[in-house]
Amino acid sequence: MHSHQQSLLFLHSAVFLFGGTALFAKLIGLPAIDITVYRTAVAAIALLTLMLISKKQIRLSNKKDYAIAVFLGIIIGLHWITYFGGMQLAGVTIGVIAFFCYPVITVFLEPFITKTTPKLSDFICACIVCLGIYLLVPQANLGNDVTLGIALGVISAFFFALRNVTHRHYFSRYGGPHTMLYQTLVACIMLSLFVEVPPSEVTDTDWLLILLVGVVFTALPHSLFASSLQHLSAKTAGLISCLQPLYGSILAWLILHEEANLSTILGGLLVVSAAFYETWAVTRKK
């Protein structure tokens, strides 16, 4: 398997697991900050264990890389807080949709680093994604909580896009588990002072869900996602990740019994079409 094909496989696997992450905002009965802290702690321990078992080097190459790792950890921590907060306030469906403006943000954010101009196809894909996300929005009575949840979703999208672009251009020489070890550790330390529910008061059920989201839905997919950025651009990763609303909707239907209407189905088809086009375009170039 060629490197770009392996990266695409890693990316699609990560996106599927990402699709189930939003469910834990509803399944775990804790505030967004608490979920983020415990989730990152579990993920950091899992990643450290994996690297020790595989005898991988844990140290970074130079002091500059440590500064970048701290910056990425802060960004990913802010992303997760706003992500879970948006889901809890606006609901899983609307929260995921609001967050998924990040591929569009990525398309126009990356040229600031690469000093390039977005291509016409980038604008077309961005427009298709925007239309698809617009159609995915269900008819709802937007109250203050929903409005705030959508705003948090958009802010989360910006942090995620910034993290991907920064990682791609300044940190991608490190493997996925290596990069996510530092990012989850920094995020955990940064947010631990703001925990509302101490570990002793967390229920057994919530601990099981935290372990599940920390290992299977955080450490694994983020490592796969980070590894894919070694051979794929952040723009490509962002647009292919548009499959996440589809996966999230399916999982929400199976687990939370959320039903999709015709508008949601049409919007999902547009988003998926743009993601598959980007996959095909990358494969053709390689």
Protein backbone atom coordinates (compact mmCIF):
# COMPACT_ATOMS: atom_id res chain seq x y z
CA MET A 1 0.00 0.00 0.00
CA HIS A 2 1.39 3.41 -1.00
CA SER A 3 1.89 6.11 1.62
CA HIS A 4 -0.95 8.31 0.34
CA GLN A 5 -3.35 5.34 0.23
CA GLN A 6 -2.42 4.39 3.78
CA SER A 7 -2.97 7.99 4.87
CA LEU A 8 -6.42 8.00 3.28
CA LEU A 9 -7.27 4.74 5.09
CA PHE A 10 -6.12 6.23 8.40
CA LEU A 11 -8.13 9.37 7.74
CA HIS A 12 -11.39 7.59 6.87
CA SER A 13 -11.06 5.30 9.92
CA ALA A 14 -10.45 8.30 12.16
CA VAL A 15 -13.45 10.16 10.75
CA PHE A 16 -15.76 7.23 11.45
CA LEU A 17 -14.62 7.14 15.09
CA PHE A 18 -14.93 10.93 15.29
CA GLY A 19 -18.54 10.51 14.22
CA GLY A 20 -19.30 8.74 17.50
CA THR A 21 -17.54 11.26 19.73
CA ALA A 22 -20.43 13.72 19.84
CA LEU A 23 -22.70 11.09 21.40
CA PHE A 24 -20.68 11.16 24.62
CA ALA A 25 -21.64 14.79 25.21
CA LYS A 26 -25.14 13.45 25.87
CA LEU A 27 -24.24 10.07 27.36
CA ILE A 28 -21.80 11.35 30.01
CA GLY A 29 -23.45 13.36 32.76
CA LEU A 30 -20.60 15.82 33.33
CA PRO A 31 -19.81 19.41 32.27
CA ALA A 32 -17.84 19.91 29.04
CA ILE A 33 -14.61 20.86 30.85
CA ASP A 34 -14.75 17.78 33.08
CA ILE A 35 -15.35 15.48 30.11
CA THR A 36 -12.40 17.07 28.32
CA VAL A 37 -10.03 16.77 31.29
CA TYR A 38 -10.84 13.13 32.08
CA ARG A 39 -10.91 12.24 28.39
CA THR A 40 -7.48 13.74 27.71
CA ALA A 41 -6.04 12.14 30.86
CA VAL A 42 -7.19 8.68 29.76
CA ALA A 43 -5.97 9.30 26.21
CA ALA A 44 -2.54 10.50 27.41
CA ILE A 45 -2.08 7.41 29.62
CA ALA A 46 -3.12 5.12 26.75
CA LEU A 47 -0.76 6.81 24.31
CA LEU A 48 2.15 6.79 26.77
CA THR A 49 1.59 3.09 27.44
CA LEU A 50 1.52 2.37 23.72
CA MET A 51 4.76 4.23 23.12
CA LEU A 52 6.53 2.55 26.04
CA ILE A 53 5.44 -0.90 24.89
CA SER A 54 6.55 -0.22 21.32
CA LYS A 55 9.79 1.37 22.65
CA LYS A 56 9.24 4.60 20.73
CA GLN A 57 11.16 7.76 21.55
CA ILE A 58 9.08 10.10 23.71
CA ARG A 59 11.33 13.16 23.66
CA LEU A 60 11.05 15.75 20.91
CA SER A 61 13.94 16.80 18.70
CA ASN A 62 14.44 20.37 19.91
CA LYS A 63 13.10 23.11 22.19
CA LYS A 64 11.15 24.75 19.38
CA ASP A 65 9.11 21.59 18.93
CA TYR A 66 8.16 21.63 22.62
CA ALA A 67 6.79 25.15 22.16
CA ILE A 68 4.78 24.01 19.15
CA ALA A 69 3.50 21.00 21.14
CA VAL A 70 2.29 23.30 23.93
CA PHE A 71 0.58 25.57 21.40
CA LEU A 72 -1.15 22.60 19.76
CA GLY A 73 -2.20 21.24 23.16
CA ILE A 74 -3.80 24.56 24.12
CA ILE A 75 -5.65 24.73 20.80
CA ILE A 76 -6.94 21.15 21.00
CA GLY A 77 -8.04 21.69 24.60
CA LEU A 78 -10.06 24.78 23.64
CA HIS A 79 -11.47 22.88 20.68
CA TRP A 80 -12.74 20.03 22.85
CA ILE A 81 -14.31 22.32 25.47
CA THR A 82 -16.24 24.30 22.88
CA TYR A 83 -17.08 21.10 20.96
CA PHE A 84 -18.70 19.31 23.90
CA GLY A 85 -20.26 22.53 25.17
CA GLY A 86 -21.88 23.13 21.80
CA MET A 87 -23.24 19.58 21.70
CA GLN A 88 -24.72 19.87 25.18
CA LEU A 89 -26.40 23.20 24.46
CA ALA A 90 -27.56 22.78 20.85
CA GLY A 91 -27.90 19.01 20.62
CA VAL A 92 -25.78 16.52 18.73
CA THR A 93 -27.19 17.18 15.25
CA ILE A 94 -27.04 20.98 15.29
CA GLY A 95 -23.77 20.95 17.22
CA VAL A 96 -22.02 18.72 14.68
CA ILE A 97 -23.36 20.80 11.81
CA ALA A 98 -22.11 24.05 13.36
CA PHE A 99 -18.71 22.49 13.97
CA PHE A 100 -18.47 21.34 10.39
CA CYS A 101 -17.85 24.75 8.99
CA TYR A 102 -14.21 23.96 9.85
CA PRO A 103 -13.40 22.46 6.42
CA VAL A 104 -14.36 25.79 4.88
CA ILE A 105 -12.27 27.64 7.46
CA THR A 106 -9.33 25.32 6.68
CA VAL A 107 -9.52 25.98 2.94
CA PHE A 108 -9.03 29.70 3.52
CA LEU A 109 -6.74 29.46 6.56
CA GLU A 110 -4.02 27.25 5.07
CA PRO A 111 -3.00 29.72 2.31
CA PHE A 112 -1.84 32.17 5.00
CA ILE A 113 0.93 29.68 5.85
CA THR A 114 1.64 28.27 2.40
CA LYS A 115 1.48 31.72 0.75
CA THR A 116 -0.77 30.36 -1.97
CA THR A 117 -4.14 31.24 -3.43
CA PRO A 118 -7.10 28.86 -3.03
CA LYS A 119 -8.08 27.12 -6.25
CA LEU A 120 -11.46 27.41 -7.91
CA SER A 121 -12.20 23.77 -7.03
CA ASP A 122 -11.59 24.65 -3.36
CA PHE A 123 -14.25 27.36 -3.53
CA ILE A 124 -16.66 25.00 -5.28
CA CYS A 125 -16.15 22.23 -2.69
CA ALA A 126 -16.50 24.77 0.12
CA CYS A 127 -19.77 26.03 -1.36
CA ILE A 128 -21.11 22.49 -1.72
CA VAL A 129 -20.18 21.72 1.87
CA CYS A 130 -21.84 24.92 3.09
CA LEU A 131 -25.02 24.11 1.17
CA GLY A 132 -25.01 20.56 2.51
CA ILE A 133 -24.54 21.73 6.09
CA TYR A 134 -27.31 24.30 5.61
CA LEU A 135 -29.69 21.59 4.44
CA LEU A 136 -28.70 19.38 7.38
CA VAL A 137 -29.94 21.96 9.88
CA PRO A 138 -33.28 20.71 11.23
CA GLN A 139 -36.24 22.98 11.72
CA ALA A 140 -35.98 24.01 15.36
CA ASN A 141 -37.02 26.84 17.63
CA LEU A 142 -33.66 28.45 18.27
CA GLY A 143 -33.52 29.59 21.88
CA ASN A 144 -30.59 31.10 23.74
CA ASP A 145 -29.00 27.73 24.49
CA VAL A 146 -29.17 26.61 20.88
CA THR A 147 -27.78 29.91 19.62
CA LEU A 148 -24.91 29.72 22.09
CA GLY A 149 -24.33 26.09 21.16
CA ILE A 150 -24.05 27.00 17.47
CA ALA A 151 -21.62 29.81 18.32
CA LEU A 152 -19.49 27.40 20.36
CA GLY A 153 -19.55 24.96 17.45
CA VAL A 154 -18.21 27.61 15.08
CA ILE A 155 -15.49 28.59 17.57
CA SER A 156 -14.59 24.92 17.97
CA ALA A 157 -14.34 24.65 14.20
CA PHE A 158 -11.83 27.50 14.07
CA PHE A 159 -9.63 25.93 16.75
CA PHE A 160 -9.72 22.56 15.01
CA ALA A 161 -8.82 24.06 11.64
CA LEU A 162 -5.98 26.06 13.20
CA ARG A 163 -4.66 22.94 14.93
CA ASN A 164 -4.71 20.91 11.71
CA VAL A 165 -2.94 23.54 9.64
CA THR A 166 -0.32 24.17 12.33
CA HIS A 167 0.28 20.45 12.81
CA ARG A 168 0.57 19.83 9.09
CA HIS A 169 3.23 22.47 8.49
CA TYR A 170 5.21 22.49 11.75
CA PHE A 171 4.76 19.14 13.53
CA SER A 172 3.90 16.44 10.99
CA ARG A 173 7.35 14.77 11.08
CA TYR A 174 6.33 13.09 14.34
CA GLY A 175 4.08 10.03 14.39
CA GLY A 176 0.42 10.19 15.36
CA PRO A 177 0.70 8.71 18.89
CA HIS A 178 3.76 10.88 19.58
CA THR A 179 2.04 14.14 18.66
CA MET A 180 -1.24 13.32 20.39
CA LEU A 181 0.57 12.32 23.61
CA TYR A 182 1.83 15.86 24.02
CA GLN A 183 -1.39 17.50 22.89
CA THR A 184 -3.63 15.51 25.24
CA LEU A 185 -1.18 15.96 28.13
CA VAL A 186 -0.99 19.73 27.68
CA ALA A 187 -4.77 20.01 27.32
CA CYS A 188 -5.32 17.95 30.48
CA ILE A 189 -2.88 20.00 32.58
CA MET A 190 -4.22 23.29 31.24
CA LEU A 191 -7.86 22.50 32.09
CA SER A 192 -7.46 20.42 35.26
CA LEU A 193 -7.77 23.49 37.51
CA PHE A 194 -11.31 24.09 36.24
CA VAL A 195 -12.79 20.65 36.99
CA GLU A 196 -16.16 20.90 38.73
CA VAL A 197 -16.77 17.22 39.58
CA PRO A 198 -13.80 15.50 41.32
CA PRO A 199 -12.88 11.94 40.25
CA SER A 200 -14.31 10.47 43.46
CA GLU A 201 -17.79 11.77 42.59
CA VAL A 202 -17.86 10.45 39.01
CA THR A 203 -20.19 7.47 38.68
CA ASP A 204 -18.97 4.06 37.52
CA THR A 205 -21.04 4.33 34.36
CA ASP A 206 -19.52 7.69 33.48
CA TRP A 207 -16.02 6.30 34.15
CA LEU A 208 -16.65 3.46 31.70
CA LEU A 209 -17.86 5.92 29.10
CA ILE A 210 -14.84 8.18 29.77
CA LEU A 211 -12.49 5.23 29.28
CA LEU A 212 -14.26 4.36 26.04
CA VAL A 213 -14.17 7.90 24.65
CA GLY A 214 -10.61 8.44 25.87
CA VAL A 215 -9.09 5.35 24.28
CA VAL A 216 -11.28 4.31 21.33
CA PHE A 217 -12.71 7.70 20.34
CA THR A 218 -9.78 9.98 21.23
CA ALA A 219 -6.35 8.34 21.37
CA LEU A 220 -6.95 6.04 18.40
CA PRO A 221 -8.69 8.37 15.90
CA HIS A 222 -6.58 11.43 16.68
CA SER A 223 -3.43 9.37 16.25
CA LEU A 224 -4.73 8.10 12.92
CA PHE A 225 -5.75 11.62 11.93
CA ALA A 226 -2.36 13.08 12.87
CA SER A 227 -0.57 10.29 10.99
CA SER A 228 -2.63 10.99 7.86
CA LEU A 229 -1.41 14.60 7.84
CA GLN A 230 2.10 13.37 7.08
CA HIS A 231 1.05 12.78 3.46
CA LEU A 232 -2.20 14.75 3.12
CA SER A 233 -2.88 18.47 3.32
CA ALA A 234 -5.02 19.93 6.09
CA LYS A 235 -7.48 21.03 3.41
CA THR A 236 -7.85 17.44 2.17
CA ALA A 237 -8.24 16.13 5.70
CA GLY A 238 -10.87 18.77 6.43
CA LEU A 239 -12.99 18.09 3.37
CA ILE A 240 -12.81 14.29 3.71
CA SER A 241 -13.80 14.71 7.35
CA CYS A 242 -17.15 15.96 6.10
CA LEU A 243 -18.19 12.31 6.28
CA GLN A 244 -18.35 12.76 10.05
CA PRO A 245 -21.88 14.25 10.12
CA LEU A 246 -23.12 11.25 8.17
CA TYR A 247 -21.48 8.80 10.57
CA GLY A 248 -22.66 10.84 13.53
CA SER A 249 -26.23 10.92 12.23
CA ILE A 250 -26.27 7.16 11.72
CA LEU A 251 -24.86 6.49 15.19
CA ALA A 252 -27.25 9.01 16.75
CA TRP A 253 -30.14 7.23 15.03
CA LEU A 254 -28.99 3.84 16.29
CA ILE A 255 -28.11 4.88 19.85
CA LEU A 256 -30.12 8.04 20.60
CA HIS A 257 -32.98 7.23 18.20
CA GLU A 258 -32.67 10.53 16.34
CA GLU A 259 -34.44 10.45 12.98
CA ALA A 260 -33.26 12.22 9.81
CA ASN A 261 -35.70 14.09 7.57
CA LEU A 262 -35.44 14.60 3.79
CA SER A 263 -33.51 17.85 4.17
CA THR A 264 -30.96 16.11 6.37
CA ILE A 265 -30.52 13.29 3.85
CA LEU A 266 -30.04 15.72 0.94
CA GLY A 267 -27.55 17.78 2.92
CA GLY A 268 -25.66 14.67 3.92
CA LEU A 269 -25.42 13.57 0.28
CA LEU A 270 -23.90 16.91 -0.72
CA VAL A 271 -21.35 16.80 2.09
CA VAL A 272 -20.40 13.20 1.33
CA SER A 273 -20.10 13.98 -2.38
CA ALA A 274 -17.62 16.77 -1.67
CA ALA A 275 -15.61 14.49 0.63
CA PHE A 276 -15.45 11.69 -1.93
CA TYR A 277 -14.45 14.14 -4.66
CA GLU A 278 -11.53 15.33 -2.55
CA THR A 279 -10.46 11.72 -1.95
CA TRP A 280 -10.56 11.02 -5.67
CA ALA A 281 -8.66 14.22 -6.49
CA VAL A 282 -5.85 13.37 -4.07
CA THR A 283 -5.57 9.80 -5.40
CA ARG A 284 -5.45 11.05 -9.00
CA LYS A 285 -2.67 13.54 -8.22
CA LYS A 286 -0.57 10.92 -6.49
